[in-house]
Amino acid sequence: MAPDKSSAAETFARRVHAGQVDKGGAPYTGHLGRVAARAHAHAEALGLPRQHAEWCQQVGWLHDTIEDTDVTADDLLDAGFDPAVVQAVQLLTRPTGKPYLECVAAIIASGDRLAMIVKLSDNEDNLDPARALPDAPRALAERYRQSAQMLRAALAPNTTGRTDRG
């Protein structure tokens, strides 16, 4: 029987993000877990194959590893994660200085639904009133709302002509 890669992704993320906190001071892994759960639910709601829903969950746990830790794509591959998962994590890694919405547009242009679903889940968690920070700039929330709107449109059935890849 194959090892549970979603659990492996969670364990990996908890290890590499150990000690990190979000802007509200909560353990950062809470955000990762919520994104993973939302991504899995979105994939199921979209009717994606079970494997893709599992990959979405893994990407949810791993989506900030390259951006916020010393982990590389090769490290993720060496840890046994599927190349589709690693590719999505790479797409979700925002290059320094690149405007946020340009990054979202690039994710959409890639056609990688794993990355789009996880980015939408990330935006939704960042917009959640239970997580909202009272001192966060209004522009930040607007950026997340715009991104979520772009991603929902891209993921809507029969509107993009994109392939079923990831």
C-alpha atoms as a PDB file:
ATOM      1  CA  MET A   1       0.000   0.000   0.000  1.00  0.00           C
ATOM      2  CA  ALA A   2       1.328   3.436  -0.924  1.00  0.00           C
ATOM      3  CA  PRO A   3       2.127   5.822   1.913  1.00  0.00           C
ATOM      4  CA  ASP A   4      -0.375   8.616   2.532  1.00  0.00           C
ATOM      5  CA  LYS A   5       1.196  11.565   0.712  1.00  0.00           C
ATOM      6  CA  SER A   6      -1.238  14.100   2.229  1.00  0.00           C
ATOM      7  CA  SER A   7      -0.021  13.122   5.699  1.00  0.00           C
ATOM      8  CA  ALA A   8       3.540  13.231   4.431  1.00  0.00           C
ATOM      9  CA  ALA A   9       2.937  16.738   3.075  1.00  0.00           C
ATOM     10  CA  GLU A  10       1.519  17.845   6.414  1.00  0.00           C
ATOM     11  CA  THR A  11       4.464  16.375   8.326  1.00  0.00           C
ATOM     12  CA  PHE A  12       6.943  17.955   5.905  1.00  0.00           C
ATOM     13  CA  ALA A  13       5.237  21.374   6.129  1.00  0.00           C
ATOM     14  CA  ARG A  14       5.021  21.273   9.926  1.00  0.00           C
ATOM     15  CA  ARG A  15       8.739  20.486  10.104  1.00  0.00           C
ATOM     16  CA  VAL A  16       9.951  23.180   7.703  1.00  0.00           C
ATOM     17  CA  HIS A  17       7.556  25.863   8.983  1.00  0.00           C
ATOM     18  CA  ALA A  18       8.171  25.039  12.682  1.00  0.00           C
ATOM     19  CA  GLY A  19       8.270  28.200  14.759  1.00  0.00           C
ATOM     20  CA  GLN A  20       6.820  30.442  12.027  1.00  0.00           C
ATOM     21  CA  VAL A  21       3.793  32.537  12.915  1.00  0.00           C
ATOM     22  CA  ASP A  22       1.339  34.488  10.790  1.00  0.00           C
ATOM     23  CA  LYS A  23       0.849  38.244  11.034  1.00  0.00           C
ATOM     24  CA  GLY A  24      -1.620  37.691  13.867  1.00  0.00           C
ATOM     25  CA  GLY A  25       0.894  35.666  15.879  1.00  0.00           C
ATOM     26  CA  ALA A  26      -0.811  32.279  15.344  1.00  0.00           C
ATOM     27  CA  PRO A  27       1.211  29.243  14.250  1.00  0.00           C
ATOM     28  CA  TYR A  28       1.619  29.466  10.477  1.00  0.00           C
ATOM     29  CA  THR A  29       0.776  25.789  10.044  1.00  0.00           C
ATOM     30  CA  GLY A  30      -2.843  26.597  10.954  1.00  0.00           C
ATOM     31  CA  HIS A  31      -3.098  28.585   7.719  1.00  0.00           C
ATOM     32  CA  LEU A  32      -1.513  25.741   5.752  1.00  0.00           C
ATOM     33  CA  GLY A  33      -3.961  23.194   7.157  1.00  0.00           C
ATOM     34  CA  ARG A  34      -6.984  25.363   6.369  1.00  0.00           C
ATOM     35  CA  VAL A  35      -5.732  25.960   2.811  1.00  0.00           C
ATOM     36  CA  ALA A  36      -5.155  22.213   2.344  1.00  0.00           C
ATOM     37  CA  ALA A  37      -8.665  21.359   3.553  1.00  0.00           C
ATOM     38  CA  ARG A  38     -10.288  24.057   1.387  1.00  0.00           C
ATOM     39  CA  ALA A  39      -8.299  22.984  -1.669  1.00  0.00           C
ATOM     40  CA  HIS A  40      -9.344  19.358  -1.263  1.00  0.00           C
ATOM     41  CA  ALA A  41     -12.996  20.410  -0.887  1.00  0.00           C
ATOM     42  CA  HIS A  42     -12.803  22.672  -3.967  1.00  0.00           C
ATOM     43  CA  ALA A  43     -11.297  19.880  -6.065  1.00  0.00           C
ATOM     44  CA  GLU A  44     -14.061  17.513  -5.012  1.00  0.00           C
ATOM     45  CA  ALA A  45     -16.744  20.147  -5.687  1.00  0.00           C
ATOM     46  CA  LEU A  46     -15.300  20.670  -9.167  1.00  0.00           C
ATOM     47  CA  GLY A  47     -15.577  16.932  -9.799  1.00  0.00           C
ATOM     48  CA  LEU A  48     -11.851  16.427 -10.277  1.00  0.00           C
ATOM     49  CA  PRO A  49     -10.473  12.893 -10.012  1.00  0.00           C
ATOM     50  CA  ARG A  50      -9.679  11.693  -6.487  1.00  0.00           C
ATOM     51  CA  GLN A  51      -5.936  11.848  -7.235  1.00  0.00           C
ATOM     52  CA  HIS A  52      -6.217  15.551  -8.096  1.00  0.00           C
ATOM     53  CA  ALA A  53      -8.122  16.277  -4.876  1.00  0.00           C
ATOM     54  CA  GLU A  54      -5.336  14.552  -2.941  1.00  0.00           C
ATOM     55  CA  TRP A  55      -2.712  16.519  -4.853  1.00  0.00           C
ATOM     56  CA  CYS A  56      -4.592  19.745  -4.065  1.00  0.00           C
ATOM     57  CA  GLN A  57      -4.439  18.866  -0.388  1.00  0.00           C
ATOM     58  CA  GLN A  58      -0.702  18.198  -0.616  1.00  0.00           C
ATOM     59  CA  VAL A  59      -0.084  21.458  -2.483  1.00  0.00           C
ATOM     60  CA  GLY A  60      -2.146  23.272   0.150  1.00  0.00           C
ATOM     61  CA  TRP A  61       0.218  22.052   2.861  1.00  0.00           C
ATOM     62  CA  LEU A  62       3.312  22.786   0.769  1.00  0.00           C
ATOM     63  CA  HIS A  63       2.308  25.980  -1.065  1.00  0.00           C
ATOM     64  CA  ASP A  64       4.623  28.305   0.880  1.00  0.00           C
ATOM     65  CA  THR A  65       7.578  25.970   1.420  1.00  0.00           C
ATOM     66  CA  ILE A  66       9.753  27.269  -1.419  1.00  0.00           C
ATOM     67  CA  GLU A  67       8.764  30.896  -0.836  1.00  0.00           C
ATOM     68  CA  ASP A  68       9.074  30.980   2.962  1.00  0.00           C
ATOM     69  CA  THR A  69      11.737  28.375   3.829  1.00  0.00           C
ATOM     70  CA  ASP A  70      15.032  27.055   2.471  1.00  0.00           C
ATOM     71  CA  VAL A  71      13.231  24.184   0.697  1.00  0.00           C
ATOM     72  CA  THR A  72      13.736  23.837  -3.063  1.00  0.00           C
ATOM     73  CA  ALA A  73      11.723  22.075  -5.742  1.00  0.00           C
ATOM     74  CA  ASP A  74      14.402  19.382  -5.799  1.00  0.00           C
ATOM     75  CA  ASP A  75      13.937  18.863  -2.050  1.00  0.00           C
ATOM     76  CA  LEU A  76      10.226  18.254  -2.626  1.00  0.00           C
ATOM     77  CA  LEU A  77      10.940  15.804  -5.431  1.00  0.00           C
ATOM     78  CA  ASP A  78      13.556  14.058  -3.277  1.00  0.00           C
ATOM     79  CA  ALA A  79      10.934  13.767  -0.506  1.00  0.00           C
ATOM     80  CA  GLY A  80       8.811  11.763  -2.945  1.00  0.00           C
ATOM     81  CA  PHE A  81       6.164  14.299  -3.926  1.00  0.00           C
ATOM     82  CA  ASP A  82       4.688  13.906  -7.389  1.00  0.00           C
ATOM     83  CA  PRO A  83       6.064  16.250 -10.076  1.00  0.00           C
ATOM     84  CA  ALA A  84       2.528  17.664 -10.550  1.00  0.00           C
ATOM     85  CA  VAL A  85       2.510  18.704  -6.873  1.00  0.00           C
ATOM     86  CA  VAL A  86       5.992  20.223  -7.104  1.00  0.00           C
ATOM     87  CA  GLN A  87       5.100  22.096 -10.292  1.00  0.00           C
ATOM     88  CA  ALA A  88       2.054  23.634  -8.589  1.00  0.00           C
ATOM     89  CA  VAL A  89       4.148  24.669  -5.574  1.00  0.00           C
ATOM     90  CA  GLN A  90       6.643  26.302  -7.932  1.00  0.00           C
ATOM     91  CA  LEU A  91       3.836  28.207  -9.681  1.00  0.00           C
ATOM     92  CA  LEU A  92       2.584  29.413  -6.297  1.00  0.00           C
ATOM     93  CA  THR A  93       6.020  30.724  -5.327  1.00  0.00           C
ATOM     94  CA  ARG A  94       5.935  34.476  -5.839  1.00  0.00           C
ATOM     95  CA  PRO A  95       9.169  35.896  -7.218  1.00  0.00           C
ATOM     96  CA  THR A  96      10.542  38.801  -5.192  1.00  0.00           C
ATOM     97  CA  GLY A  97       9.266  42.101  -6.506  1.00  0.00           C
ATOM     98  CA  LYS A  98       6.700  40.676  -8.929  1.00  0.00           C
ATOM     99  CA  PRO A  99       3.263  42.283  -8.440  1.00  0.00           C
ATOM    100  CA  TYR A 100       0.760  39.953  -6.773  1.00  0.00           C
ATOM    101  CA  LEU A 101      -1.967  40.077  -9.404  1.00  0.00           C
ATOM    102  CA  GLU A 102       0.603  39.472 -12.160  1.00  0.00           C
ATOM    103  CA  CYS A 103       1.564  36.287 -10.341  1.00  0.00           C
ATOM    104  CA  VAL A 104      -2.081  35.251 -10.140  1.00  0.00           C
ATOM    105  CA  ALA A 105      -2.512  35.947 -13.866  1.00  0.00           C
ATOM    106  CA  ALA A 106       0.545  33.764 -14.574  1.00  0.00           C
ATOM    107  CA  ILE A 107      -0.924  30.926 -12.495  1.00  0.00           C
ATOM    108  CA  ILE A 108      -4.155  31.165 -14.492  1.00  0.00           C
ATOM    109  CA  ALA A 109      -2.273  31.357 -17.805  1.00  0.00           C
ATOM    110  CA  SER A 110      -0.389  28.168 -16.893  1.00  0.00           C
ATOM    111  CA  GLY A 111      -3.633  26.198 -16.922  1.00  0.00           C
ATOM    112  CA  ASP A 112      -2.504  24.326 -13.798  1.00  0.00           C
ATOM    113  CA  ARG A 113      -5.741  23.748 -11.894  1.00  0.00           C
ATOM    114  CA  LEU A 114      -3.911  22.427  -8.829  1.00  0.00           C
ATOM    115  CA  ALA A 115      -2.166  25.788  -8.449  1.00  0.00           C
ATOM    116  CA  MET A 116      -5.350  27.751  -9.230  1.00  0.00           C
ATOM    117  CA  ILE A 117      -7.405  25.824  -6.665  1.00  0.00           C
ATOM    118  CA  VAL A 118      -4.782  26.225  -3.954  1.00  0.00           C
ATOM    119  CA  LYS A 119      -4.324  29.935  -4.701  1.00  0.00           C
ATOM    120  CA  LEU A 120      -8.095  30.421  -4.451  1.00  0.00           C
ATOM    121  CA  SER A 121      -8.082  28.515  -1.145  1.00  0.00           C
ATOM    122  CA  ASP A 122      -5.190  30.671   0.086  1.00  0.00           C
ATOM    123  CA  ASN A 123      -7.104  33.849  -0.832  1.00  0.00           C
ATOM    124  CA  GLU A 124     -10.235  32.584   0.903  1.00  0.00           C
ATOM    125  CA  ASP A 125      -8.318  31.838   4.088  1.00  0.00           C
ATOM    126  CA  ASN A 126      -6.685  35.267   3.968  1.00  0.00           C
ATOM    127  CA  LEU A 127     -10.134  36.869   3.572  1.00  0.00           C
ATOM    128  CA  ASP A 128     -11.768  34.841   6.347  1.00  0.00           C
ATOM    129  CA  PRO A 129     -13.131  37.283   8.957  1.00  0.00           C
ATOM    130  CA  ALA A 130     -12.052  34.872  11.710  1.00  0.00           C
ATOM    131  CA  ARG A 131      -8.460  35.343  10.549  1.00  0.00           C
ATOM    132  CA  ALA A 132      -8.647  38.979   9.446  1.00  0.00           C
ATOM    133  CA  LEU A 133      -6.206  41.338  11.074  1.00  0.00           C
ATOM    134  CA  PRO A 134      -7.683  44.600  12.338  1.00  0.00           C
ATOM    135  CA  ASP A 135      -4.652  46.630  11.205  1.00  0.00           C
ATOM    136  CA  ALA A 136      -4.352  45.044   7.744  1.00  0.00           C
ATOM    137  CA  PRO A 137      -4.498  47.601   4.945  1.00  0.00           C
ATOM    138  CA  ARG A 138      -7.762  47.659   3.025  1.00  0.00           C
ATOM    139  CA  ALA A 139      -5.778  47.307  -0.212  1.00  0.00           C
ATOM    140  CA  LEU A 140      -4.534  43.891   0.920  1.00  0.00           C
ATOM    141  CA  ALA A 141      -8.068  42.532   1.280  1.00  0.00           C
ATOM    142  CA  GLU A 142      -9.010  44.057  -2.069  1.00  0.00           C
ATOM    143  CA  ARG A 143      -6.043  42.331  -3.686  1.00  0.00           C
ATOM    144  CA  TYR A 144      -7.193  38.977  -2.291  1.00  0.00           C
ATOM    145  CA  ARG A 145     -10.787  39.638  -3.450  1.00  0.00           C
ATOM    146  CA  GLN A 146      -9.613  40.474  -6.986  1.00  0.00           C
ATOM    147  CA  SER A 147      -7.421  37.398  -7.083  1.00  0.00           C
ATOM    148  CA  ALA A 148     -10.233  35.135  -5.866  1.00  0.00           C
ATOM    149  CA  GLN A 149     -12.574  36.573  -8.491  1.00  0.00           C
ATOM    150  CA  MET A 150     -10.024  35.935 -11.262  1.00  0.00           C
ATOM    151  CA  LEU A 151      -9.433  32.385 -10.058  1.00  0.00           C
ATOM    152  CA  ARG A 152     -13.132  31.531  -9.702  1.00  0.00           C
ATOM    153  CA  ALA A 153     -13.706  32.730 -13.271  1.00  0.00           C
ATOM    154  CA  ALA A 154     -10.790  30.638 -14.540  1.00  0.00           C
ATOM    155  CA  LEU A 155     -12.018  27.540 -12.698  1.00  0.00           C
ATOM    156  CA  ALA A 156     -15.654  27.903 -13.769  1.00  0.00           C
ATOM    157  CA  PRO A 157     -16.776  24.939 -15.872  1.00  0.00           C
ATOM    158  CA  ASN A 158     -16.763  25.336 -19.650  1.00  0.00           C
ATOM    159  CA  THR A 159     -15.407  28.864 -19.682  1.00  0.00           C
ATOM    160  CA  THR A 160     -11.693  28.567 -20.344  1.00  0.00           C
ATOM    161  CA  GLY A 161     -11.120  25.809 -22.829  1.00  0.00           C
ATOM    162  CA  ARG A 162      -8.214  24.681 -20.652  1.00  0.00           C
ATOM    163  CA  THR A 163      -7.110  21.088 -20.520  1.00  0.00           C
ATOM    164  CA  ASP A 164      -7.820  18.780 -17.617  1.00  0.00           C
ATOM    165  CA  ARG A 165      -4.139  18.899 -16.631  1.00  0.00           C
ATOM    166  CA  GLY A 166      -3.866  19.157 -12.852  1.00  0.00           C
END
